[in-house]
C-alpha cells in the first residue's frame, strides 16, 4: 500500500496530456450548457458531469476530487483536472496541459451568467 509521500512523489513526476480531441468535445458540451442560459445557482454538478462523461475529474489543491461550494457575486476560478483512470488512493494525476476555468457573474435578477472552458 502506498503512503501519502509516495503518492505525492508520483504526482510530481509528471502526468499525461489531455488530448486535443477530448478537450474540443468537452468545450463543445460546456458551450451547449452555458450559451444563452442563466442559472439560479452555479451549475457545478452539470459542469463536472460533462467532465466525467469524458473520463475527467476536477481536483482540489491536494489532487483529490473537488468538493465544496463557490460563493460571491462575481469570480473566476480554475480547477486542475485529471483522468479518472489515474486515481491512486483518493488522489489523481492531473493533466500537465489542461485546466478547467469557470467565471460567473450574478446579475440583478439573481441569476448567474456562466463562462467556462477547458484550456
C-alpha atoms as a PDB file:
ATOM      1  CA  UNK A   1       0.000   0.000   0.000  1.00  0.00           C
ATOM      2  CA  UNK A   2       1.298   3.437  -0.906  1.00  0.00           C
ATOM      3  CA  UNK A   3       1.633   6.164   1.671  1.00  0.00           C
ATOM      4  CA  UNK A   4       0.881   9.843   1.105  1.00  0.00           C
ATOM      5  CA  UNK A   5       4.531  10.777   0.470  1.00  0.00           C
ATOM      6  CA  UNK A   6       4.861   8.152  -2.278  1.00  0.00           C
ATOM      7  CA  UNK A   7       1.658   9.359  -3.909  1.00  0.00           C
ATOM      8  CA  UNK A   8       2.807  12.989  -3.847  1.00  0.00           C
ATOM      9  CA  UNK A   9       6.161  11.981  -5.347  1.00  0.00           C
ATOM     10  CA  UNK A  10       4.356  10.197  -8.164  1.00  0.00           C
ATOM     11  CA  UNK A  11       2.186  13.259  -8.755  1.00  0.00           C
ATOM     12  CA  UNK A  12       5.307  15.405  -9.096  1.00  0.00           C
ATOM     13  CA  UNK A  13       6.887  13.106 -11.709  1.00  0.00           C
ATOM     14  CA  UNK A  14       4.603  14.371 -14.443  1.00  0.00           C
ATOM     15  CA  UNK A  15       1.379  13.232 -15.928  1.00  0.00           C
ATOM     16  CA  UNK A  16      -0.311  12.657 -19.192  1.00  0.00           C
ATOM     17  CA  UNK A  17      -1.613  15.343 -21.508  1.00  0.00           C
ATOM     18  CA  UNK A  18      -5.268  15.878 -22.341  1.00  0.00           C
ATOM     19  CA  UNK A  19      -5.816  15.031 -25.993  1.00  0.00           C
ATOM     20  CA  UNK A  20      -6.972  17.902 -28.194  1.00  0.00           C
ATOM     21  CA  UNK A  21      -9.974  15.918 -29.459  1.00  0.00           C
ATOM     22  CA  UNK A  22     -11.281  15.305 -25.936  1.00  0.00           C
ATOM     23  CA  UNK A  23     -10.684  18.944 -24.985  1.00  0.00           C
ATOM     24  CA  UNK A  24     -12.728  20.065 -28.001  1.00  0.00           C
ATOM     25  CA  UNK A  25     -15.597  17.689 -27.148  1.00  0.00           C
ATOM     26  CA  UNK A  26     -15.669  18.866 -23.528  1.00  0.00           C
ATOM     27  CA  UNK A  27     -15.680  22.512 -24.606  1.00  0.00           C
ATOM     28  CA  UNK A  28     -18.495  21.914 -27.107  1.00  0.00           C
ATOM     29  CA  UNK A  29     -20.614  20.402 -24.319  1.00  0.00           C
ATOM     30  CA  UNK A  30     -19.711  23.237 -21.933  1.00  0.00           C
ATOM     31  CA  UNK A  31     -20.732  25.791 -24.559  1.00  0.00           C
ATOM     32  CA  UNK A  32     -24.037  23.982 -25.126  1.00  0.00           C
ATOM     33  CA  UNK A  33     -24.719  24.031 -21.375  1.00  0.00           C
ATOM     34  CA  UNK A  34     -23.960  27.703 -20.823  1.00  0.00           C
ATOM     35  CA  UNK A  35     -24.829  29.552 -24.040  1.00  0.00           C
ATOM     36  CA  UNK A  36     -27.902  31.789 -23.746  1.00  0.00           C
ATOM     37  CA  UNK A  37     -28.700  30.268 -20.343  1.00  0.00           C
ATOM     38  CA  UNK A  38     -28.861  31.961 -16.952  1.00  0.00           C
ATOM     39  CA  UNK A  39     -28.711  29.831 -13.824  1.00  0.00           C
ATOM     40  CA  UNK A  40     -30.330  30.093 -10.390  1.00  0.00           C
ATOM     41  CA  UNK A  41     -27.115  28.636  -8.943  1.00  0.00           C
ATOM     42  CA  UNK A  42     -23.627  27.899 -10.249  1.00  0.00           C
ATOM     43  CA  UNK A  43     -24.133  24.569 -12.086  1.00  0.00           C
ATOM     44  CA  UNK A  44     -21.107  22.705 -10.714  1.00  0.00           C
ATOM     45  CA  UNK A  45     -22.787  19.302 -10.839  1.00  0.00           C
ATOM     46  CA  UNK A  46     -23.661  19.775 -14.510  1.00  0.00           C
ATOM     47  CA  UNK A  47     -20.148  21.005 -15.325  1.00  0.00           C
ATOM     48  CA  UNK A  48     -18.495  18.125 -13.507  1.00  0.00           C
ATOM     49  CA  UNK A  49     -20.861  15.612 -15.146  1.00  0.00           C
ATOM     50  CA  UNK A  50     -19.675  16.828 -18.541  1.00  0.00           C
ATOM     51  CA  UNK A  51     -16.089  16.199 -17.462  1.00  0.00           C
ATOM     52  CA  UNK A  52     -16.966  12.736 -16.170  1.00  0.00           C
ATOM     53  CA  UNK A  53     -18.667  11.917 -19.481  1.00  0.00           C
ATOM     54  CA  UNK A  54     -15.177  12.134 -20.996  1.00  0.00           C
ATOM     55  CA  UNK A  55     -13.358  10.364 -18.149  1.00  0.00           C
ATOM     56  CA  UNK A  56     -12.105  13.556 -16.494  1.00  0.00           C
ATOM     57  CA  UNK A  57     -12.412  14.803 -12.902  1.00  0.00           C
ATOM     58  CA  UNK A  58     -11.929  18.279 -11.352  1.00  0.00           C
ATOM     59  CA  UNK A  59      -9.437  18.440  -8.488  1.00  0.00           C
ATOM     60  CA  UNK A  60      -8.764  20.284  -5.265  1.00  0.00           C
ATOM     61  CA  UNK A  61      -5.280  21.587  -4.418  1.00  0.00           C
ATOM     62  CA  UNK A  62      -4.297  18.230  -2.888  1.00  0.00           C
ATOM     63  CA  UNK A  63      -5.243  16.356  -6.097  1.00  0.00           C
ATOM     64  CA  UNK A  64      -8.330  14.758  -4.578  1.00  0.00           C
ATOM     65  CA  UNK A  65     -11.701  15.088  -6.301  1.00  0.00           C
ATOM     66  CA  UNK A  66     -13.080  18.595  -5.880  1.00  0.00           C
ATOM     67  CA  UNK A  67     -15.861  19.046  -3.374  1.00  0.00           C
ATOM     68  CA  UNK A  68     -17.109  22.265  -1.949  1.00  0.00           C
ATOM     69  CA  UNK A  69     -19.063  25.315  -2.873  1.00  0.00           C
ATOM     70  CA  UNK A  70     -18.464  28.580  -4.621  1.00  0.00           C
ATOM     71  CA  UNK A  71     -19.651  31.933  -3.348  1.00  0.00           C
ATOM     72  CA  UNK A  72     -19.711  35.536  -4.371  1.00  0.00           C
ATOM     73  CA  UNK A  73     -21.399  37.702  -6.947  1.00  0.00           C
ATOM     74  CA  UNK A  74     -18.527  37.585  -9.417  1.00  0.00           C
ATOM     75  CA  UNK A  75     -15.398  35.471  -9.568  1.00  0.00           C
ATOM     76  CA  UNK A  76     -13.048  33.461 -11.748  1.00  0.00           C
ATOM     77  CA  UNK A  77     -11.667  30.142 -10.537  1.00  0.00           C
ATOM     78  CA  UNK A  78      -9.568  27.409 -12.063  1.00  0.00           C
ATOM     79  CA  UNK A  79      -9.514  23.703 -11.345  1.00  0.00           C
ATOM     80  CA  UNK A  80      -6.768  21.243 -12.135  1.00  0.00           C
ATOM     81  CA  UNK A  81      -8.268  18.278 -13.989  1.00  0.00           C
ATOM     82  CA  UNK A  82      -7.168  14.669 -14.310  1.00  0.00           C
ATOM     83  CA  UNK A  83      -8.154  11.432 -15.959  1.00  0.00           C
ATOM     84  CA  UNK A  84     -10.468   9.437 -13.702  1.00  0.00           C
ATOM     85  CA  UNK A  85      -8.334   6.401 -14.512  1.00  0.00           C
ATOM     86  CA  UNK A  86      -5.313   7.989 -12.790  1.00  0.00           C
ATOM     87  CA  UNK A  87      -6.789   7.590  -9.304  1.00  0.00           C
ATOM     88  CA  UNK A  88      -4.457   6.108  -6.682  1.00  0.00           C
ATOM     89  CA  UNK A  89      -5.730   6.034  -3.091  1.00  0.00           C
ATOM     90  CA  UNK A  90      -8.105   9.022  -3.473  1.00  0.00           C
ATOM     91  CA  UNK A  91      -5.587  11.121  -5.394  1.00  0.00           C
ATOM     92  CA  UNK A  92      -5.340  11.769  -9.120  1.00  0.00           C
ATOM     93  CA  UNK A  93      -2.530  12.630 -11.517  1.00  0.00           C
ATOM     94  CA  UNK A  94      -3.504  15.996 -13.073  1.00  0.00           C
ATOM     95  CA  UNK A  95      -3.080  16.665 -16.761  1.00  0.00           C
ATOM     96  CA  UNK A  96       0.071  18.644 -17.448  1.00  0.00           C
ATOM     97  CA  UNK A  97      -1.552  20.720 -20.195  1.00  0.00           C
ATOM     98  CA  UNK A  98      -5.139  21.424 -19.169  1.00  0.00           C
ATOM     99  CA  UNK A  99      -7.301  23.134 -16.566  1.00  0.00           C
ATOM    100  CA  UNK A 100     -10.982  23.952 -16.166  1.00  0.00           C
ATOM    101  CA  UNK A 101     -11.746  27.668 -15.926  1.00  0.00           C
ATOM    102  CA  UNK A 102     -15.030  28.953 -14.565  1.00  0.00           C
ATOM    103  CA  UNK A 103     -16.202  32.538 -14.380  1.00  0.00           C
ATOM    104  CA  UNK A 104     -19.553  33.710 -13.060  1.00  0.00           C
ATOM    105  CA  UNK A 105     -21.429  36.919 -12.623  1.00  0.00           C
ATOM    106  CA  UNK A 106     -24.614  37.276 -10.542  1.00  0.00           C
ATOM    107  CA  UNK A 107     -26.980  39.645 -12.316  1.00  0.00           C
ATOM    108  CA  UNK A 108     -29.537  41.951 -10.668  1.00  0.00           C
ATOM    109  CA  UNK A 109     -32.188  39.309 -11.393  1.00  0.00           C
ATOM    110  CA  UNK A 110     -30.321  36.968  -9.026  1.00  0.00           C
ATOM    111  CA  UNK A 111     -29.387  34.594 -11.831  1.00  0.00           C
ATOM    112  CA  UNK A 112     -25.839  33.700 -12.796  1.00  0.00           C
ATOM    113  CA  UNK A 113     -24.167  34.119 -16.144  1.00  0.00           C
ATOM    114  CA  UNK A 114     -21.503  31.439 -16.543  1.00  0.00           C
ATOM    115  CA  UNK A 115     -18.460  31.214 -18.783  1.00  0.00           C
ATOM    116  CA  UNK A 116     -16.412  28.024 -18.623  1.00  0.00           C
ATOM    117  CA  UNK A 117     -13.883  26.162 -20.740  1.00  0.00           C
ATOM    118  CA  UNK A 118     -11.043  23.683 -20.588  1.00  0.00           C
ATOM    119  CA  UNK A 119      -7.731  25.242 -21.634  1.00  0.00           C
END
